[in-house]
Amino acid sequence: MGHPTIYPTGVTVYDPAKAWNGYTIFPAADLGALLIDMNGREVQLWKGLQGFPNKLLPNGQVFGSTGLRHPDHGFQDQTDLVQVDWEGNIVWRFSQLEHIADPGQDPPWYARQHHDFQREGNPVGYYVPDQTPANDRGKTLLLVHADVSNPKISDQALLDDKLIEVSWGGEISWSWSAHEHFDELGFDDAAKAILFRDPGLRKLASGSVGDWLHVNSASFIGPNRHFDGGDHRFHPDNIIWDSREANIIAITDRKTGNISWRLGPQYDQTEAERKLGWIIGQHHAHIIPRGLQSEGNLLVFDNGGWAGYGKPNPASPTGRMTRRAIIRVFWKSIQYRSKSWQ
């Protein structure tokens, strides 16, 4: 988490007539998971509880992590995902994805969780009418890392993104690996060429690793009008995710593992895509849950900046990225179809 560069800090404007009265939780740097009210006053601090991110559960419980793998050896790998009560007692933990022996350390178990997770009962991790996440049962969806080699993508070592579902008892009941579905992601020849040479390389003490997709969100589709209307691509158990590096939003079919729907990485194949414009470096793409305004539409934070693979351009002579200075937050109907969507 960054530190402020503009002062004064804290809440500077709060108009109760225009803002919903509630609470905000966030990972406070070097402190822990901090819950504040609308005036910025501390309500609760879970000391030492990291968050990537922190999420609240019913009865005053919260998700977080107790540690981070050393950055010399891993990139954004949380040691575990834990659920703690109001007093900070751990009531649920998952760490046993991978047993890793990093240099100079005893080999512990790591969850390698990063960026997102969801608990059964709620598809998106924020308040939804009549869709409450379970705090004493149910499966948990985690977005995790895996080290892989795939010469079809690159001859470099790859940091792959993986989806897993974990039971309340800690058993992995389902998993899906992005690199196994490379051919379904819609990269053209120019994108494949630059991906092969530079798959988003990040330097570690042990060498470089290609963070080729950098998936940063994963949510269940949840109940929706598209599935009710007969479109099985939007089955409530399917999972929508987005790739910050590749400018892709996609849905993974929970039963087949195939990508059932995709937007990107190209946004110029149809008139609908050209009208929409490029989505670049996106975050938290998800279907707006039932019971909320614009339910069934796609909501995404279109980060802007740099991302993507493709033909050389003025901003990137190698084609490693596309740039756009502005940021967009929008929701879009997903009823129309595009040739590039699966």
Protein backbone atom coordinates (compact mmCIF):
# COMPACT_ATOMS: atom_id res chain seq x y z
CA MET A 1 0.00 0.00 0.00
CA GLY A 2 1.31 3.47 -0.86
CA HIS A 3 1.83 6.34 1.50
CA PRO A 4 0.11 9.73 1.05
CA THR A 5 1.91 12.57 -0.68
CA ILE A 6 -0.89 15.13 -0.33
CA TYR A 7 -1.82 16.67 3.03
CA PRO A 8 -4.01 17.04 5.01
CA THR A 9 -4.83 13.34 5.14
CA GLY A 10 -7.87 11.57 6.53
CA VAL A 11 -11.49 12.44 5.82
CA THR A 12 -11.70 15.97 4.42
CA VAL A 13 -15.32 15.99 3.16
CA TYR A 14 -18.28 13.95 4.41
CA ASP A 15 -21.85 14.92 3.55
CA PRO A 16 -24.23 12.37 5.15
CA ALA A 17 -27.00 13.47 2.78
CA LYS A 18 -24.99 12.38 -0.24
CA ALA A 19 -22.94 9.43 1.07
CA TRP A 20 -24.15 6.11 2.44
CA ASN A 21 -23.21 5.80 6.09
CA GLY A 22 -21.03 2.73 6.55
CA TYR A 23 -17.55 1.46 7.28
CA THR A 24 -14.37 1.07 5.26
CA ILE A 25 -11.72 -1.59 5.79
CA PHE A 26 -8.25 -1.40 4.30
CA PRO A 27 -4.72 -2.70 4.91
CA ALA A 28 -2.93 0.10 6.77
CA ALA A 29 0.77 -0.03 5.96
CA ASP A 30 2.88 -1.50 8.80
CA LEU A 31 -0.17 -1.64 11.10
CA GLY A 32 -2.73 -4.21 10.02
CA ALA A 33 -6.34 -4.38 8.87
CA LEU A 34 -8.00 -1.09 9.84
CA LEU A 35 -11.75 -0.51 10.03
CA ILE A 36 -12.86 3.14 10.05
CA ASP A 37 -16.19 4.98 10.07
CA MET A 38 -17.23 7.71 7.67
CA ASN A 39 -15.44 10.35 9.73
CA GLY A 40 -12.19 8.41 9.55
CA ARG A 41 -12.27 7.32 13.20
CA GLU A 42 -10.76 3.95 14.06
CA VAL A 43 -13.38 1.33 14.85
CA GLN A 44 -11.11 -1.71 15.00
CA LEU A 45 -7.51 -2.58 14.18
CA TRP A 46 -6.45 -6.18 13.61
CA LYS A 47 -2.75 -5.69 14.29
CA GLY A 48 -0.39 -7.42 11.91
CA LEU A 49 -3.15 -8.78 9.68
CA GLN A 50 -2.13 -8.12 6.13
CA GLY A 51 -4.67 -7.87 3.34
CA PHE A 52 -4.52 -8.60 -0.35
CA PRO A 53 -7.23 -7.48 0.17
CA ASN A 54 -8.98 -7.50 3.56
CA LYS A 55 -12.70 -8.34 3.37
CA LEU A 56 -15.35 -8.24 6.06
CA LEU A 57 -17.59 -11.17 6.94
CA PRO A 58 -20.75 -11.32 9.09
CA ASN A 59 -20.42 -11.16 12.88
CA GLY A 60 -17.37 -8.90 12.80
CA GLN A 61 -15.01 -11.38 11.16
CA VAL A 62 -12.44 -10.43 8.56
CA PHE A 63 -10.23 -12.04 5.93
CA GLY A 64 -6.52 -11.37 5.64
CA SER A 65 -3.08 -12.92 5.66
CA THR A 66 -0.47 -13.45 8.35
CA GLY A 67 2.55 -12.98 6.09
CA LEU A 68 4.16 -12.49 2.71
CA ARG A 69 6.72 -14.65 0.96
CA HIS A 70 10.09 -12.89 0.79
CA PRO A 71 10.14 -10.73 -2.38
CA ASP A 72 13.59 -12.06 -3.32
CA HIS A 73 11.97 -15.39 -4.09
CA GLY A 74 8.32 -14.70 -4.92
CA PHE A 75 6.14 -11.94 -6.30
CA GLN A 76 3.06 -10.98 -4.27
CA ASP A 77 2.73 -14.45 -2.73
CA GLN A 78 0.77 -14.37 0.53
CA THR A 79 1.72 -17.12 2.96
CA ASP A 80 -1.90 -17.93 3.76
CA LEU A 81 -5.50 -16.77 3.72
CA VAL A 82 -7.02 -16.55 7.18
CA GLN A 83 -10.37 -15.66 8.66
CA VAL A 84 -10.25 -14.06 12.10
CA ASP A 85 -12.90 -12.99 14.59
CA TRP A 86 -13.33 -9.54 16.15
CA GLU A 87 -10.65 -10.27 18.76
CA GLY A 88 -8.18 -11.49 16.14
CA ASN A 89 -8.47 -15.23 16.78
CA ILE A 90 -8.00 -17.36 13.67
CA VAL A 91 -11.14 -19.39 12.94
CA TRP A 92 -10.14 -20.62 9.44
CA ARG A 93 -6.89 -20.84 7.53
CA PHE A 94 -5.65 -22.12 4.21
CA SER A 95 -1.95 -22.36 3.38
CA GLN A 96 -1.34 -25.82 1.95
CA LEU A 97 -1.10 -25.13 -1.75
CA GLU A 98 2.66 -25.51 -2.15
CA HIS A 99 5.58 -26.54 0.07
CA ILE A 100 8.47 -24.26 -0.94
CA ALA A 101 12.09 -24.35 0.20
CA ASP A 102 13.45 -20.85 -0.46
CA PRO A 103 17.19 -20.31 0.12
CA GLY A 104 18.10 -19.86 3.78
CA GLN A 105 14.63 -20.69 5.08
CA ASP A 106 12.86 -23.72 6.46
CA PRO A 107 10.35 -24.93 3.84
CA PRO A 108 6.88 -23.78 4.94
CA TRP A 109 3.53 -24.19 3.23
CA TYR A 110 2.32 -21.27 1.12
CA ALA A 111 -1.13 -20.41 -0.18
CA ARG A 112 0.45 -18.10 -2.79
CA GLN A 113 -2.83 -16.16 -2.75
CA HIS A 114 -2.82 -12.77 -4.42
CA HIS A 115 -5.27 -10.01 -5.32
CA ASP A 116 -8.62 -11.71 -4.76
CA PHE A 117 -10.76 -14.44 -3.19
CA GLN A 118 -14.47 -15.06 -2.58
CA ARG A 119 -16.38 -17.06 0.02
CA GLU A 120 -19.40 -19.11 -1.00
CA GLY A 121 -22.71 -17.33 -0.53
CA ASN A 122 -21.63 -14.02 -2.06
CA PRO A 123 -20.20 -13.74 -5.59
CA VAL A 124 -18.25 -10.51 -5.33
CA GLY A 125 -17.06 -9.82 -1.78
CA TYR A 126 -19.13 -6.71 -1.06
CA TYR A 127 -22.66 -6.26 0.24
CA VAL A 128 -25.34 -7.88 -1.94
CA PRO A 129 -29.00 -8.13 -0.87
CA ASP A 130 -29.88 -11.68 0.22
CA GLN A 131 -26.43 -13.04 -0.71
CA THR A 132 -24.43 -13.40 2.50
CA PRO A 133 -20.98 -15.02 2.59
CA ALA A 134 -20.75 -18.00 4.92
CA ASN A 135 -18.51 -17.55 7.96
CA ASP A 136 -18.63 -21.10 9.35
CA ARG A 137 -18.84 -23.31 6.26
CA GLY A 138 -18.66 -23.34 2.47
CA LYS A 139 -16.03 -23.27 -0.24
CA THR A 140 -13.61 -20.42 -0.87
CA LEU A 141 -12.39 -19.31 -4.30
CA LEU A 142 -8.75 -18.20 -4.30
CA LEU A 143 -6.61 -16.58 -6.96
CA VAL A 144 -3.09 -18.02 -6.57
CA HIS A 145 0.27 -18.21 -8.32
CA ALA A 146 2.06 -21.19 -9.86
CA ASP A 147 5.52 -21.48 -11.45
CA VAL A 148 5.20 -23.09 -14.86
CA SER A 149 7.01 -23.68 -18.12
CA ASN A 150 5.11 -23.44 -21.39
CA PRO A 151 7.22 -23.12 -24.57
CA LYS A 152 4.10 -22.24 -26.55
CA ILE A 153 3.98 -18.95 -24.61
CA SER A 154 7.66 -18.25 -23.97
CA ASP A 155 11.02 -19.90 -23.35
CA GLN A 156 11.20 -17.90 -20.10
CA ALA A 157 10.02 -19.15 -16.71
CA LEU A 158 6.41 -18.07 -16.18
CA LEU A 159 4.47 -16.92 -13.13
CA ASP A 160 1.06 -18.33 -13.95
CA ASP A 161 -2.31 -17.44 -12.46
CA LYS A 162 -4.42 -20.24 -11.09
CA LEU A 163 -7.94 -20.49 -9.67
CA ILE A 164 -8.61 -22.95 -6.89
CA GLU A 165 -11.63 -23.79 -4.76
CA VAL A 166 -10.95 -24.86 -1.18
CA SER A 167 -13.43 -26.60 1.11
CA TRP A 168 -14.07 -25.49 4.70
CA GLY A 169 -11.83 -28.40 5.71
CA GLY A 170 -8.95 -27.09 3.60
CA GLU A 171 -9.07 -29.57 0.70
CA ILE A 172 -8.59 -28.28 -2.85
CA SER A 173 -11.68 -29.48 -4.72
CA TRP A 174 -11.18 -27.73 -8.08
CA SER A 175 -8.41 -25.90 -9.92
CA TRP A 176 -7.86 -24.12 -13.22
CA SER A 177 -4.56 -22.91 -14.72
CA ALA A 178 -4.49 -20.02 -17.18
CA HIS A 179 -1.47 -21.16 -19.19
CA GLU A 180 -3.29 -24.34 -20.20
CA HIS A 181 -5.83 -22.19 -22.07
CA PHE A 182 -3.41 -19.98 -24.00
CA ASP A 183 -5.02 -20.81 -27.35
CA GLU A 184 -8.40 -19.55 -26.08
CA LEU A 185 -7.17 -16.08 -25.13
CA GLY A 186 -7.29 -14.49 -28.58
CA PHE A 187 -3.70 -13.28 -28.96
CA ASP A 188 -2.77 -12.42 -32.56
CA ASP A 189 0.61 -13.24 -34.10
CA ALA A 190 2.13 -9.89 -33.10
CA ALA A 191 1.06 -10.34 -29.48
CA LYS A 192 2.38 -13.91 -29.39
CA ALA A 193 5.73 -12.73 -30.74
CA ILE A 194 6.30 -10.09 -28.06
CA LEU A 195 4.91 -12.40 -25.37
CA PHE A 196 7.50 -15.00 -26.33
CA ARG A 197 10.34 -12.47 -26.04
CA ASP A 198 9.07 -10.58 -22.98
CA PRO A 199 6.20 -12.18 -21.02
CA GLY A 200 6.07 -9.36 -18.45
CA LEU A 201 9.42 -10.21 -16.88
CA ARG A 202 9.99 -9.40 -13.21
CA LYS A 203 13.39 -9.70 -11.59
CA LEU A 204 13.84 -11.88 -8.51
CA ALA A 205 17.01 -12.85 -6.69
CA SER A 206 16.80 -16.28 -8.29
CA GLY A 207 16.26 -14.87 -11.80
CA SER A 208 13.51 -13.38 -13.93
CA VAL A 209 9.97 -14.71 -14.12
CA GLY A 210 7.25 -13.77 -16.61
CA ASP A 211 4.13 -12.36 -14.94
CA TRP A 212 2.48 -12.76 -18.32
CA LEU A 213 -1.20 -12.19 -17.40
CA HIS A 214 -1.18 -10.66 -13.91
CA VAL A 215 -4.78 -11.60 -13.17
CA ASN A 216 -6.03 -9.30 -10.43
CA SER A 217 -9.63 -10.32 -9.78
CA ALA A 218 -11.79 -13.42 -9.71
CA SER A 219 -15.47 -13.58 -8.83
CA PHE A 220 -18.32 -16.03 -9.19
CA ILE A 221 -20.85 -14.88 -11.80
CA GLY A 222 -23.71 -15.35 -9.33
CA PRO A 223 -27.44 -15.40 -10.18
CA ASN A 224 -28.10 -13.30 -13.29
CA ARG A 225 -30.63 -12.56 -16.01
CA HIS A 226 -28.43 -13.90 -18.82
CA PHE A 227 -28.40 -17.42 -17.42
CA ASP A 228 -32.10 -17.16 -16.59
CA GLY A 229 -32.66 -16.30 -20.26
CA GLY A 230 -30.89 -19.45 -21.41
CA ASP A 231 -27.29 -18.29 -21.89
CA HIS A 232 -25.28 -21.00 -20.13
CA ARG A 233 -22.01 -19.11 -20.54
CA PHE A 234 -23.17 -17.11 -17.53
CA HIS A 235 -23.88 -20.02 -15.21
CA PRO A 236 -23.84 -18.66 -11.63
CA ASP A 237 -20.99 -21.02 -10.69
CA ASN A 238 -18.75 -19.85 -13.53
CA ILE A 239 -15.91 -17.49 -12.71
CA ILE A 240 -15.14 -14.09 -14.27
CA TRP A 241 -11.59 -12.79 -14.08
CA ASP A 242 -9.45 -10.13 -15.69
CA SER A 243 -5.84 -9.81 -16.80
CA ARG A 244 -4.18 -6.51 -16.06
CA GLU A 245 -1.16 -7.19 -18.33
CA ALA A 246 -3.06 -8.55 -21.34
CA ASN A 247 -6.22 -6.38 -21.31
CA ILE A 248 -8.51 -9.41 -21.14
CA ILE A 249 -11.77 -10.03 -19.28
CA ALA A 250 -12.96 -13.63 -19.46
CA ILE A 251 -15.31 -16.19 -17.97
CA THR A 252 -14.09 -19.68 -17.12
CA ASP A 253 -16.69 -22.43 -17.35
CA ARG A 254 -16.66 -24.17 -13.99
CA LYS A 255 -17.56 -27.61 -15.45
CA THR A 256 -15.51 -27.78 -18.66
CA GLY A 257 -12.64 -25.45 -17.78
CA ASN A 258 -13.02 -23.73 -21.16
CA ILE A 259 -13.25 -19.98 -21.56
CA SER A 260 -16.92 -19.45 -22.34
CA TRP A 261 -16.85 -15.65 -22.87
CA ARG A 262 -14.08 -13.15 -23.53
CA LEU A 263 -13.60 -9.42 -24.07
CA GLY A 264 -10.16 -8.42 -25.39
CA PRO A 265 -7.26 -8.49 -25.89
CA GLN A 266 -8.15 -6.74 -29.17
CA TYR A 267 -10.87 -4.08 -29.14
CA ASP A 268 -11.11 -3.40 -32.88
CA GLN A 269 -12.66 -6.53 -34.36
CA THR A 270 -16.28 -5.31 -34.45
CA GLU A 271 -18.22 -2.06 -34.37
CA ALA A 272 -19.33 -2.83 -30.81
CA GLU A 273 -15.72 -3.16 -29.65
CA ARG A 274 -14.62 -0.01 -31.44
CA LYS A 275 -17.46 1.89 -29.80
CA LEU A 276 -16.47 0.52 -26.40
CA GLY A 277 -12.81 1.39 -26.90
CA TRP A 278 -9.75 -0.20 -25.38
CA ILE A 279 -9.94 -1.42 -21.80
CA ILE A 280 -6.40 -1.12 -20.46
CA GLY A 281 -4.94 -2.47 -17.22
CA GLN A 282 -8.36 -3.26 -15.80
CA HIS A 283 -9.25 -4.19 -12.21
CA HIS A 284 -12.20 -5.91 -10.51
CA ALA A 285 -14.26 -6.83 -13.54
CA HIS A 286 -17.43 -8.57 -12.34
CA ILE A 287 -21.12 -8.99 -13.04
CA ILE A 288 -23.23 -6.60 -10.94
CA PRO A 289 -25.14 -8.92 -8.57
CA ARG A 290 -28.87 -9.37 -8.47
CA GLY A 291 -30.63 -6.84 -6.27
CA LEU A 292 -28.34 -3.92 -7.13
CA GLN A 293 -28.78 -1.15 -9.69
CA SER A 294 -27.80 -2.26 -13.24
CA GLU A 295 -27.74 -5.90 -12.15
CA GLY A 296 -26.43 -8.27 -14.81
CA ASN A 297 -24.15 -5.69 -16.43
CA LEU A 298 -20.37 -5.81 -16.39
CA LEU A 299 -18.74 -3.40 -13.95
CA VAL A 300 -15.02 -2.73 -14.40
CA PHE A 301 -12.41 -0.23 -13.30
CA ASP A 302 -10.62 0.63 -16.55
CA ASN A 303 -7.30 1.64 -15.05
CA GLY A 304 -5.61 3.09 -18.12
CA GLY A 305 -1.86 3.59 -18.11
CA TRP A 306 0.09 0.81 -19.83
CA ALA A 307 -0.72 -2.82 -20.58
CA GLY A 308 -1.05 -5.28 -23.43
CA TYR A 309 0.90 -7.06 -26.14
CA GLY A 310 0.70 -6.34 -29.84
CA LYS A 311 2.15 -4.45 -32.77
CA PRO A 312 4.84 -1.79 -32.28
CA ASN A 313 3.35 1.63 -31.58
CA PRO A 314 4.63 5.14 -30.78
CA ALA A 315 4.43 4.46 -27.03
CA SER A 316 6.22 1.13 -27.33
CA PRO A 317 8.51 0.40 -30.29
CA THR A 318 8.57 -3.28 -29.27
CA GLY A 319 4.77 -3.66 -28.96
CA ARG A 320 5.04 -4.57 -25.29
CA MET A 321 2.29 -2.17 -24.24
CA THR A 322 -0.54 0.15 -25.16
CA ARG A 323 -0.97 3.43 -23.30
CA ARG A 324 -3.89 5.68 -22.36
CA ALA A 325 -3.65 8.51 -19.85
CA ILE A 326 -7.27 8.59 -18.66
CA ILE A 327 -9.07 6.28 -16.23
CA ARG A 328 -12.65 5.05 -16.74
CA VAL A 329 -15.10 3.40 -14.36
CA PHE A 330 -18.16 2.09 -16.16
CA TRP A 331 -20.70 -0.64 -16.42
CA LYS A 332 -21.60 -2.10 -19.77
CA SER A 333 -24.36 -4.34 -21.02
CA ILE A 334 -23.02 -7.73 -22.06
CA GLN A 335 -26.06 -8.75 -24.09
CA TYR A 336 -24.56 -7.95 -27.48
CA ARG A 337 -22.03 -10.31 -29.03
CA SER A 338 -18.68 -9.75 -30.68
CA LYS A 339 -16.78 -12.03 -33.07
CA SER A 340 -13.83 -12.08 -30.70
CA TRP A 341 -15.96 -13.19 -27.75
CA GLN A 342 -16.18 -16.91 -27.22
